[in-house]
């Protein structure tokens, strides 16, 4: 039986605005980030999409986004397995210090995660989530790097093509069957009306 996972990135944070590296460190949602989460909430409402279970990264920016998306009415579980990449000593530093993509094992030498460890952590966590018998339509709020690693992992099964650069509150719709995910839609909202 096919199941559905909606994997999304959190709303804009103060560190996003300041162009700071934000992995395991955290920053609050901005006013725009709150508005982006409200737009995502309306998308789900307007399309009559309801979830039987919801999960967020343990980072506050992800759990705050999830709470807004679900109108503060749905219980959820926070999972370390879908946290962002650990960037080690680069946490909180200016994004200009990032190496060119792909990062590979660059951050491991500075106390961060190797790329393959990060990807396996996210992939295995979301397989575990979808293998739960009661989980049929699931919302998971995570991070840009985690969403990118996840969609790349399933490239042979994806229906839609992924272009690098994941916007805040982007929503990735996956079908899940036989321990495999296929991305069938990527929803990127236009937030121009929120910018003053």
N, C-alpha and C. Protein backbone atom coordinates (compact mmCIF):
# COMPACT_ATOMS: atom_id res chain seq x y z
N UNK A 1 0.84 -1.19 0.00
CA UNK A 1 0.00 0.00 0.00
C UNK A 1 0.88 1.26 0.00
N UNK A 2 0.58 2.19 -0.90
CA UNK A 2 1.34 3.44 -0.96
C UNK A 2 0.95 4.36 0.19
N UNK A 3 1.98 4.96 0.78
CA UNK A 3 1.78 5.96 1.81
C UNK A 3 2.31 7.29 1.29
N UNK A 4 1.99 8.37 2.02
CA UNK A 4 2.41 9.70 1.57
C UNK A 4 3.18 10.41 2.67
N UNK A 5 4.32 10.96 2.29
CA UNK A 5 5.12 11.80 3.19
C UNK A 5 5.19 13.20 2.59
N UNK A 6 4.85 14.19 3.41
CA UNK A 6 5.10 15.59 3.07
C UNK A 6 6.29 16.04 3.89
N UNK A 7 7.42 16.21 3.23
CA UNK A 7 8.65 16.65 3.88
C UNK A 7 8.84 18.12 3.54
N UNK A 8 9.00 18.95 4.55
CA UNK A 8 9.14 20.38 4.25
C UNK A 8 10.25 21.03 5.05
N UNK A 9 10.74 22.13 4.51
CA UNK A 9 11.75 22.93 5.19
C UNK A 9 11.05 23.94 6.09
N UNK A 10 11.71 24.32 7.16
CA UNK A 10 11.19 25.33 8.09
C UNK A 10 11.10 26.71 7.42
N UNK A 11 10.43 27.63 8.08
CA UNK A 11 10.34 29.00 7.61
C UNK A 11 11.64 29.77 7.84
N UNK A 12 11.70 30.96 7.25
CA UNK A 12 12.92 31.78 7.37
C UNK A 12 13.24 32.07 8.83
N UNK A 13 14.54 32.02 9.15
CA UNK A 13 15.01 32.32 10.50
C UNK A 13 15.88 33.57 10.49
N UNK A 14 16.19 34.05 11.68
CA UNK A 14 17.10 35.18 11.83
C UNK A 14 18.45 34.89 11.18
N UNK A 15 18.96 33.65 11.36
CA UNK A 15 20.25 33.29 10.77
C UNK A 15 20.16 33.20 9.24
N UNK A 16 19.02 32.75 8.70
CA UNK A 16 18.84 32.78 7.25
C UNK A 16 18.97 34.21 6.74
N UNK A 17 18.31 35.12 7.44
CA UNK A 17 18.32 36.52 7.06
C UNK A 17 19.73 37.11 7.15
N UNK A 18 20.47 36.71 8.17
CA UNK A 18 21.83 37.23 8.39
C UNK A 18 22.89 36.45 7.61
N UNK A 19 22.45 35.44 6.85
CA UNK A 19 23.35 34.59 6.06
C UNK A 19 24.42 33.93 6.93
N UNK A 20 23.92 33.30 8.01
CA UNK A 20 24.77 32.54 8.93
C UNK A 20 24.59 31.05 8.70
N UNK A 21 25.65 30.29 8.91
CA UNK A 21 25.59 28.83 8.79
C UNK A 21 24.80 28.29 9.96
N UNK A 22 23.77 27.52 9.66
CA UNK A 22 22.81 27.09 10.68
C UNK A 22 22.54 25.61 10.51
N UNK A 23 23.20 24.82 11.30
CA UNK A 23 23.00 23.38 11.26
C UNK A 23 22.34 22.93 12.54
N UNK A 24 23.18 22.53 13.51
CA UNK A 24 22.64 22.13 14.81
C UNK A 24 22.39 23.32 15.71
N UNK A 25 23.01 24.47 15.43
CA UNK A 25 22.67 25.67 16.18
C UNK A 25 21.31 26.16 15.68
N UNK A 26 20.69 27.06 16.41
CA UNK A 26 19.32 27.41 16.08
C UNK A 26 19.12 28.92 16.12
N UNK A 27 18.10 29.38 15.46
CA UNK A 27 17.69 30.79 15.48
C UNK A 27 16.18 30.83 15.31
N UNK A 28 15.54 31.86 15.88
CA UNK A 28 14.08 31.93 15.80
C UNK A 28 13.58 32.27 14.41
N UNK A 29 12.33 31.93 14.16
CA UNK A 29 11.67 32.33 12.92
C UNK A 29 11.52 33.85 12.89
N UNK A 30 11.70 34.41 11.70
CA UNK A 30 11.43 35.84 11.51
C UNK A 30 9.94 36.03 11.29
N UNK A 31 9.52 37.28 11.18
CA UNK A 31 8.13 37.57 10.86
C UNK A 31 7.78 36.97 9.50
N UNK A 32 8.71 37.08 8.55
CA UNK A 32 8.49 36.47 7.24
C UNK A 32 8.39 34.95 7.36
N UNK A 33 9.25 34.34 8.18
CA UNK A 33 9.22 32.89 8.38
C UNK A 33 7.90 32.41 8.94
N UNK A 34 7.33 33.18 9.86
CA UNK A 34 6.01 32.85 10.41
C UNK A 34 4.96 32.93 9.31
N UNK A 35 5.05 33.98 8.50
CA UNK A 35 4.11 34.13 7.38
C UNK A 35 4.23 33.00 6.37
N UNK A 36 5.47 32.56 6.10
CA UNK A 36 5.68 31.44 5.17
C UNK A 36 5.01 30.17 5.70
N UNK A 37 5.15 29.93 6.99
CA UNK A 37 4.52 28.75 7.60
C UNK A 37 3.00 28.84 7.51
N UNK A 38 2.46 30.04 7.64
CA UNK A 38 1.00 30.23 7.53
C UNK A 38 0.53 29.96 6.09
N UNK A 39 1.35 30.35 5.11
CA UNK A 39 1.01 30.06 3.71
C UNK A 39 0.99 28.54 3.49
N UNK A 40 1.99 27.84 4.05
CA UNK A 40 2.02 26.37 3.94
C UNK A 40 0.80 25.75 4.62
N UNK A 41 0.45 26.28 5.79
CA UNK A 41 -0.76 25.81 6.49
C UNK A 41 -1.98 25.95 5.60
N UNK A 42 -2.12 27.11 4.95
CA UNK A 42 -3.28 27.35 4.08
C UNK A 42 -3.28 26.42 2.87
N UNK A 43 -2.09 26.11 2.36
CA UNK A 43 -2.00 25.17 1.23
C UNK A 43 -2.60 23.82 1.62
N UNK A 44 -2.20 23.31 2.78
CA UNK A 44 -2.73 22.01 3.22
C UNK A 44 -4.24 22.08 3.46
N UNK A 45 -4.68 23.17 4.09
CA UNK A 45 -6.12 23.33 4.36
C UNK A 45 -6.92 23.41 3.07
N UNK A 46 -6.47 24.24 2.14
CA UNK A 46 -7.20 24.46 0.90
C UNK A 46 -7.24 23.22 0.01
N UNK A 47 -6.30 22.32 0.20
CA UNK A 47 -6.26 21.08 -0.58
C UNK A 47 -6.78 19.88 0.21
N UNK A 48 -7.42 20.17 1.35
CA UNK A 48 -8.02 19.13 2.21
C UNK A 48 -7.03 18.02 2.55
N UNK A 49 -5.79 18.41 2.83
CA UNK A 49 -4.76 17.43 3.21
C UNK A 49 -4.68 17.39 4.72
N UNK A 50 -4.92 16.22 5.26
CA UNK A 50 -4.80 16.02 6.71
C UNK A 50 -3.77 14.93 6.98
N UNK A 51 -3.15 15.01 8.13
CA UNK A 51 -2.07 14.09 8.50
C UNK A 51 -2.52 13.20 9.65
N UNK A 52 -2.10 11.93 9.58
CA UNK A 52 -2.37 11.09 10.75
C UNK A 52 -1.25 11.18 11.78
N UNK A 53 -0.06 11.60 11.34
CA UNK A 53 1.06 11.81 12.27
C UNK A 53 1.95 12.93 11.76
N UNK A 54 2.63 13.60 12.71
CA UNK A 54 3.52 14.70 12.35
C UNK A 54 4.81 14.60 13.16
N UNK A 55 5.90 15.01 12.51
CA UNK A 55 7.24 14.93 13.11
C UNK A 55 8.00 16.20 12.76
N UNK A 56 8.87 16.61 13.66
CA UNK A 56 9.77 17.71 13.33
C UNK A 56 11.16 17.37 13.82
N UNK A 57 12.12 18.07 13.26
CA UNK A 57 13.48 18.05 13.79
C UNK A 57 13.42 18.57 15.23
N UNK A 58 14.43 18.27 16.02
CA UNK A 58 14.47 18.78 17.39
C UNK A 58 14.82 20.27 17.44
N UNK A 59 15.19 20.84 16.31
CA UNK A 59 15.50 22.28 16.28
C UNK A 59 14.20 23.09 16.40
N UNK A 60 14.28 24.16 17.17
CA UNK A 60 13.09 24.97 17.44
C UNK A 60 12.50 25.57 16.17
N UNK A 61 13.34 25.94 15.21
CA UNK A 61 12.82 26.55 13.98
C UNK A 61 11.92 25.58 13.22
N UNK A 62 12.20 24.27 13.32
CA UNK A 62 11.37 23.26 12.66
C UNK A 62 10.09 23.00 13.46
N UNK A 63 10.21 22.86 14.77
CA UNK A 63 9.01 22.58 15.57
C UNK A 63 8.07 23.78 15.58
N UNK A 64 8.62 25.01 15.60
CA UNK A 64 7.75 26.19 15.53
C UNK A 64 7.01 26.24 14.20
N UNK A 65 7.71 25.91 13.12
CA UNK A 65 7.06 25.88 11.80
C UNK A 65 5.93 24.85 11.79
N UNK A 66 6.20 23.65 12.30
CA UNK A 66 5.18 22.59 12.33
C UNK A 66 3.96 23.03 13.13
N UNK A 67 4.18 23.66 14.26
CA UNK A 67 3.05 24.08 15.10
C UNK A 67 2.16 25.08 14.37
N UNK A 68 2.78 26.00 13.61
CA UNK A 68 1.99 26.96 12.84
C UNK A 68 1.23 26.24 11.72
N UNK A 69 1.93 25.34 11.01
CA UNK A 69 1.31 24.62 9.89
C UNK A 69 0.10 23.80 10.36
N UNK A 70 0.16 23.27 11.56
CA UNK A 70 -0.94 22.45 12.08
C UNK A 70 -1.87 23.24 13.02
N UNK A 71 -1.77 24.57 12.98
CA UNK A 71 -2.64 25.44 13.80
C UNK A 71 -2.53 25.15 15.29
N UNK A 72 -1.39 24.68 15.74
CA UNK A 72 -1.14 24.38 17.15
C UNK A 72 -2.14 23.35 17.71
N UNK A 73 -2.69 22.51 16.81
CA UNK A 73 -3.75 21.59 17.23
C UNK A 73 -3.36 20.12 17.13
N UNK A 74 -2.15 19.84 16.67
CA UNK A 74 -1.79 18.45 16.42
C UNK A 74 -0.58 18.04 17.25
N UNK A 75 -0.68 16.94 17.98
CA UNK A 75 0.51 16.45 18.68
C UNK A 75 1.55 15.98 17.66
N UNK A 76 2.81 16.08 18.02
CA UNK A 76 3.86 15.65 17.10
C UNK A 76 5.06 15.15 17.89
N UNK A 77 5.95 14.49 17.18
CA UNK A 77 7.16 13.96 17.80
C UNK A 77 8.38 14.66 17.21
N UNK A 78 9.31 15.00 18.07
CA UNK A 78 10.55 15.63 17.61
C UNK A 78 11.61 14.54 17.45
N UNK A 79 12.29 14.56 16.30
CA UNK A 79 13.25 13.51 15.97
C UNK A 79 14.64 14.11 15.69
N UNK A 80 15.65 13.62 16.41
CA UNK A 80 17.02 14.06 16.14
C UNK A 80 17.48 13.62 14.76
N UNK A 81 16.91 12.53 14.27
CA UNK A 81 17.35 11.95 13.00
C UNK A 81 17.09 12.84 11.79
N UNK A 82 16.18 13.83 11.91
CA UNK A 82 15.93 14.72 10.77
C UNK A 82 16.43 16.14 11.04
N UNK A 83 17.37 16.24 12.01
CA UNK A 83 18.04 17.53 12.22
C UNK A 83 18.91 17.85 11.00
N UNK A 84 19.29 19.11 10.91
CA UNK A 84 20.15 19.57 9.83
C UNK A 84 21.56 18.98 10.00
N UNK A 85 22.36 19.11 8.98
CA UNK A 85 23.77 18.73 8.98
C UNK A 85 24.47 19.41 10.17
N UNK A 86 25.33 18.68 10.85
CA UNK A 86 26.16 19.27 11.91
C UNK A 86 27.40 19.84 11.23
N UNK A 87 27.54 21.17 11.28
CA UNK A 87 28.66 21.85 10.62
C UNK A 87 29.85 22.10 11.54
N UNK A 88 29.82 21.52 12.74
CA UNK A 88 30.97 21.62 13.64
C UNK A 88 31.30 23.07 13.98
N UNK A 89 32.59 23.42 13.88
CA UNK A 89 33.05 24.76 14.27
C UNK A 89 32.54 25.86 13.34
N UNK A 90 31.92 25.48 12.22
CA UNK A 90 31.38 26.47 11.29
C UNK A 90 29.98 26.94 11.70
N UNK A 91 29.39 26.31 12.70
CA UNK A 91 28.06 26.71 13.16
C UNK A 91 28.06 28.19 13.56
N UNK A 92 27.08 28.92 13.03
CA UNK A 92 26.91 30.32 13.39
C UNK A 92 27.83 31.29 12.67
N UNK A 93 28.74 30.76 11.85
CA UNK A 93 29.67 31.61 11.10
C UNK A 93 29.00 32.10 9.80
N UNK A 94 29.64 33.04 9.13
CA UNK A 94 29.09 33.58 7.88
C UNK A 94 29.07 32.52 6.79
N UNK A 95 27.98 32.48 6.01
CA UNK A 95 27.83 31.49 4.93
C UNK A 95 28.94 31.59 3.89
N UNK A 96 29.56 32.75 3.78
CA UNK A 96 30.63 32.93 2.79
C UNK A 96 31.80 31.97 3.05
N UNK A 97 31.89 31.43 4.26
CA UNK A 97 32.97 30.50 4.62
C UNK A 97 32.70 29.07 4.13
N UNK A 98 31.48 28.80 3.68
CA UNK A 98 31.16 27.46 3.17
C UNK A 98 32.04 27.13 1.97
N UNK A 99 32.50 25.87 1.88
CA UNK A 99 33.23 25.46 0.67
C UNK A 99 32.25 25.31 -0.49
N UNK A 100 32.76 25.11 -1.68
CA UNK A 100 31.89 24.85 -2.83
C UNK A 100 31.24 23.49 -2.68
N UNK A 101 30.05 23.36 -3.24
CA UNK A 101 29.35 22.07 -3.25
C UNK A 101 30.04 21.11 -4.21
N UNK A 102 30.00 19.81 -3.98
CA UNK A 102 29.42 19.15 -2.80
C UNK A 102 30.37 19.25 -1.60
N UNK A 103 29.80 19.31 -0.40
CA UNK A 103 30.60 19.48 0.81
C UNK A 103 31.39 18.22 1.17
N UNK A 104 30.82 17.05 0.85
CA UNK A 104 31.53 15.80 1.17
C UNK A 104 31.86 15.71 2.66
N UNK A 105 33.12 15.44 2.98
CA UNK A 105 33.54 15.27 4.37
C UNK A 105 34.20 16.51 4.94
N UNK A 106 34.06 17.64 4.26
CA UNK A 106 34.75 18.87 4.67
C UNK A 106 34.54 19.20 6.14
N UNK A 107 33.30 19.12 6.62
CA UNK A 107 33.00 19.57 7.98
C UNK A 107 33.45 18.59 9.06
N UNK A 108 33.70 17.35 8.69
CA UNK A 108 34.13 16.34 9.68
C UNK A 108 35.43 16.74 10.37
N UNK A 109 36.33 17.36 9.64
CA UNK A 109 37.62 17.76 10.23
C UNK A 109 37.46 18.90 11.23
N UNK A 110 36.28 19.51 11.25
CA UNK A 110 36.01 20.60 12.18
C UNK A 110 34.95 20.20 13.21
N UNK A 111 34.80 18.89 13.43
CA UNK A 111 33.85 18.40 14.44
C UNK A 111 32.44 18.21 13.94
N UNK A 112 32.23 18.35 12.63
CA UNK A 112 30.90 18.15 12.07
C UNK A 112 30.70 16.74 11.53
N UNK A 113 29.65 16.55 10.74
CA UNK A 113 29.31 15.23 10.21
C UNK A 113 29.87 15.03 8.81
N UNK A 114 30.21 13.78 8.52
CA UNK A 114 30.52 13.39 7.14
C UNK A 114 29.19 13.36 6.37
N UNK A 115 29.27 13.66 5.08
CA UNK A 115 28.04 13.75 4.27
C UNK A 115 27.27 12.44 4.27
N UNK A 116 27.95 11.32 4.11
CA UNK A 116 27.25 10.04 4.03
C UNK A 116 26.57 9.70 5.36
N UNK A 117 27.20 10.08 6.48
CA UNK A 117 26.57 9.84 7.79
C UNK A 117 25.29 10.66 7.94
N UNK A 118 25.39 11.90 7.51
CA UNK A 118 24.23 12.79 7.57
C UNK A 118 23.08 12.25 6.72
N UNK A 119 23.39 11.89 5.47
CA UNK A 119 22.36 11.39 4.57
C UNK A 119 21.73 10.11 5.11
N UNK A 120 22.54 9.17 5.58
CA UNK A 120 22.00 7.91 6.10
C UNK A 120 21.13 8.14 7.33
N UNK A 121 21.51 9.09 8.15
CA UNK A 121 20.71 9.42 9.35
C UNK A 121 19.31 9.87 8.94
N UNK A 122 19.23 10.77 7.98
CA UNK A 122 17.93 11.31 7.54
C UNK A 122 17.12 10.22 6.84
N UNK A 123 17.75 9.50 5.91
CA UNK A 123 17.05 8.46 5.15
C UNK A 123 16.51 7.38 6.08
N UNK A 124 17.34 6.87 6.98
CA UNK A 124 16.92 5.79 7.87
C UNK A 124 15.82 6.23 8.82
N UNK A 125 15.90 7.47 9.30
CA UNK A 125 14.87 7.98 10.21
C UNK A 125 13.51 8.04 9.50
N UNK A 126 13.49 8.53 8.26
CA UNK A 126 12.21 8.67 7.56
C UNK A 126 11.66 7.31 7.09
N UNK A 127 12.53 6.36 6.81
CA UNK A 127 12.05 5.00 6.53
C UNK A 127 11.39 4.43 7.78
N UNK A 128 12.03 4.60 8.93
CA UNK A 128 11.46 4.11 10.19
C UNK A 128 10.09 4.74 10.45
N UNK A 129 9.97 6.03 10.19
CA UNK A 129 8.70 6.73 10.38
C UNK A 129 7.61 6.12 9.49
N UNK A 130 7.92 5.92 8.21
CA UNK A 130 6.90 5.45 7.28
C UNK A 130 6.61 3.95 7.42
N UNK A 131 7.50 3.22 8.07
CA UNK A 131 7.27 1.79 8.30
C UNK A 131 6.28 1.55 9.44
N UNK A 132 5.98 2.57 10.21
CA UNK A 132 5.00 2.41 11.29
C UNK A 132 3.63 2.18 10.67
N UNK A 133 2.98 1.14 11.11
CA UNK A 133 1.73 0.71 10.48
C UNK A 133 0.67 1.81 10.45
N UNK A 134 0.63 2.61 11.51
CA UNK A 134 -0.42 3.63 11.61
C UNK A 134 -0.09 4.91 10.83
N UNK A 135 1.10 4.99 10.27
CA UNK A 135 1.51 6.20 9.54
C UNK A 135 1.22 6.06 8.05
N UNK A 136 0.18 6.74 7.59
CA UNK A 136 -0.21 6.68 6.18
C UNK A 136 -0.01 8.00 5.45
N UNK A 137 -0.35 9.10 6.12
CA UNK A 137 -0.13 10.44 5.56
C UNK A 137 0.59 11.24 6.64
N UNK A 138 1.86 11.53 6.37
CA UNK A 138 2.75 12.06 7.41
C UNK A 138 3.31 13.41 6.98
N UNK A 139 3.40 14.32 7.96
CA UNK A 139 4.11 15.59 7.78
C UNK A 139 5.40 15.52 8.57
N UNK A 140 6.52 15.89 7.94
CA UNK A 140 7.80 15.98 8.63
C UNK A 140 8.44 17.32 8.28
N UNK A 141 8.76 18.13 9.29
CA UNK A 141 9.38 19.43 9.07
C UNK A 141 10.85 19.33 9.42
N UNK A 142 11.68 19.63 8.44
CA UNK A 142 13.12 19.46 8.59
C UNK A 142 13.86 20.70 8.07
N UNK A 143 14.93 20.49 7.33
CA UNK A 143 15.85 21.56 6.96
C UNK A 143 16.28 21.45 5.50
N UNK A 144 16.84 22.53 4.97
CA UNK A 144 17.24 22.57 3.57
C UNK A 144 18.23 21.49 3.18
N UNK A 145 19.30 21.35 3.96
CA UNK A 145 20.31 20.33 3.66
C UNK A 145 19.75 18.93 3.76
N UNK A 146 18.93 18.71 4.78
CA UNK A 146 18.33 17.38 4.97
C UNK A 146 17.39 17.05 3.81
N UNK A 147 16.57 18.02 3.40
CA UNK A 147 15.66 17.80 2.27
C UNK A 147 16.43 17.51 0.99
N UNK A 148 17.55 18.23 0.79
CA UNK A 148 18.36 18.03 -0.43
C UNK A 148 19.01 16.66 -0.44
N UNK A 149 19.59 16.25 0.68
CA UNK A 149 20.22 14.93 0.75
C UNK A 149 19.19 13.82 0.52
N UNK A 150 18.00 14.03 1.08
CA UNK A 150 16.95 13.01 0.97
C UNK A 150 16.49 12.84 -0.47
N UNK A 151 16.20 13.94 -1.15
CA UNK A 151 15.69 13.82 -2.53
C UNK A 151 16.77 13.27 -3.45
N UNK A 152 18.03 13.63 -3.22
CA UNK A 152 19.12 13.10 -4.06
C UNK A 152 19.28 11.59 -3.87
N UNK A 153 19.05 11.13 -2.65
CA UNK A 153 19.20 9.70 -2.36
C UNK A 153 18.25 8.86 -3.20
N UNK A 154 17.07 9.40 -3.50
CA UNK A 154 16.03 8.64 -4.22
C UNK A 154 15.95 9.04 -5.69
N UNK A 155 17.02 9.58 -6.24
CA UNK A 155 17.00 10.14 -7.60
C UNK A 155 16.49 9.14 -8.64
N UNK A 156 16.77 7.87 -8.47
CA UNK A 156 16.33 6.86 -9.45
C UNK A 156 14.83 6.60 -9.40
N UNK A 157 14.17 7.04 -8.35
CA UNK A 157 12.73 6.78 -8.18
C UNK A 157 11.88 8.03 -8.31
N UNK A 158 12.50 9.20 -8.27
CA UNK A 158 11.75 10.45 -8.27
C UNK A 158 11.06 10.69 -9.62
N UNK A 159 9.83 11.21 -9.54
CA UNK A 159 9.07 11.57 -10.73
C UNK A 159 9.46 12.99 -11.17
N UNK A 160 9.65 13.88 -10.20
CA UNK A 160 10.01 15.26 -10.51
C UNK A 160 11.53 15.43 -10.40
N UNK A 161 12.05 16.37 -11.14
CA UNK A 161 13.47 16.68 -11.12
C UNK A 161 13.75 17.75 -10.07
N UNK A 162 14.81 17.55 -9.33
CA UNK A 162 15.19 18.48 -8.27
C UNK A 162 16.22 19.46 -8.78
N UNK A 163 15.97 20.74 -8.53
CA UNK A 163 16.95 21.78 -8.85
C UNK A 163 17.50 22.31 -7.54
N UNK A 164 18.83 22.40 -7.41
CA UNK A 164 19.43 22.88 -6.15
C UNK A 164 18.88 24.24 -5.72
N UNK A 165 18.84 24.41 -4.42
CA UNK A 165 18.31 25.63 -3.85
C UNK A 165 16.91 25.40 -3.31
N UNK A 166 16.81 25.12 -2.01
CA UNK A 166 15.51 24.80 -1.41
C UNK A 166 15.02 26.01 -0.63
N UNK A 167 13.87 26.54 -1.06
CA UNK A 167 13.32 27.72 -0.42
C UNK A 167 12.74 27.36 0.95
N UNK A 168 12.63 28.37 1.80
CA UNK A 168 11.97 28.17 3.09
C UNK A 168 10.53 27.72 2.86
N UNK A 169 10.10 26.75 3.65
CA UNK A 169 8.75 26.17 3.60
C UNK A 169 8.43 25.49 2.27
N UNK A 170 9.46 25.11 1.50
CA UNK A 170 9.24 24.25 0.33
C UNK A 170 8.68 22.92 0.84
N UNK A 171 7.76 22.36 0.07
CA UNK A 171 7.11 21.09 0.45
C UNK A 171 7.41 20.04 -0.61
N UNK A 172 7.93 18.91 -0.18
CA UNK A 172 8.23 17.79 -1.07
C UNK A 172 7.23 16.68 -0.77
N UNK A 173 6.44 16.31 -1.79
CA UNK A 173 5.46 15.24 -1.62
C UNK A 173 6.05 13.93 -2.14
N UNK A 174 6.12 12.93 -1.27
CA UNK A 174 6.68 11.62 -1.62
C UNK A 174 5.62 10.54 -1.50
N UNK A 175 5.70 9.58 -2.42
CA UNK A 175 4.98 8.32 -2.25
C UNK A 175 5.97 7.32 -1.67
N UNK A 176 5.49 6.52 -0.73
CA UNK A 176 6.35 5.54 -0.07
C UNK A 176 5.76 4.15 -0.20
N UNK A 177 6.57 3.21 -0.69
CA UNK A 177 6.13 1.82 -0.85
C UNK A 177 7.37 0.94 -0.92
N UNK A 178 7.32 -0.20 -0.26
CA UNK A 178 8.44 -1.17 -0.29
C UNK A 178 9.77 -0.53 0.09
N UNK A 179 9.74 0.28 1.12
CA UNK A 179 10.95 0.94 1.66
C UNK A 179 11.65 1.84 0.66
N UNK A 180 10.87 2.37 -0.28
CA UNK A 180 11.41 3.31 -1.27
C UNK A 180 10.50 4.54 -1.35
N UNK A 181 11.14 5.69 -1.52
CA UNK A 181 10.43 6.95 -1.68
C UNK A 181 10.54 7.44 -3.12
N UNK A 182 9.47 8.05 -3.61
CA UNK A 182 9.48 8.70 -4.91
C UNK A 182 8.89 10.08 -4.76
N UNK A 183 9.68 11.11 -5.06
CA UNK A 183 9.16 12.48 -4.98
C UNK A 183 8.28 12.73 -6.21
N UNK A 184 7.01 13.01 -5.96
CA UNK A 184 6.06 13.18 -7.06
C UNK A 184 5.67 14.64 -7.29
N UNK A 185 6.02 15.51 -6.32
CA UNK A 185 5.68 16.92 -6.47
C UNK A 185 6.53 17.76 -5.53
N UNK A 186 6.94 18.94 -6.01
CA UNK A 186 7.63 19.91 -5.16
C UNK A 186 6.81 21.19 -5.19
N UNK A 187 6.38 21.65 -4.02
CA UNK A 187 5.55 22.84 -3.92
C UNK A 187 6.40 23.99 -3.38
N UNK A 188 6.63 25.00 -4.20
CA UNK A 188 7.33 26.21 -3.80
C UNK A 188 6.35 27.36 -3.91
N UNK A 189 5.98 27.94 -2.79
CA UNK A 189 5.02 29.03 -2.78
C UNK A 189 5.69 30.36 -3.13
N UNK A 190 4.90 31.26 -3.63
CA UNK A 190 5.37 32.63 -3.86
C UNK A 190 5.04 33.45 -2.61
N UNK A 191 6.09 33.99 -1.99
CA UNK A 191 5.90 34.74 -0.75
C UNK A 191 6.04 36.25 -0.95
N UNK A 192 6.00 36.70 -2.21
CA UNK A 192 6.21 38.13 -2.50
C UNK A 192 5.24 39.02 -1.73
N UNK A 193 4.01 38.55 -1.55
CA UNK A 193 3.00 39.37 -0.86
C UNK A 193 3.32 39.56 0.62
N UNK A 194 4.25 38.76 1.15
CA UNK A 194 4.61 38.87 2.57
C UNK A 194 5.75 39.85 2.80
N UNK A 195 6.45 40.22 1.73
CA UNK A 195 7.62 41.08 1.87
C UNK A 195 7.19 42.54 1.79
N UNK A 196 7.54 43.27 2.86
CA UNK A 196 7.10 44.69 2.97
C UNK A 196 8.16 45.60 2.42
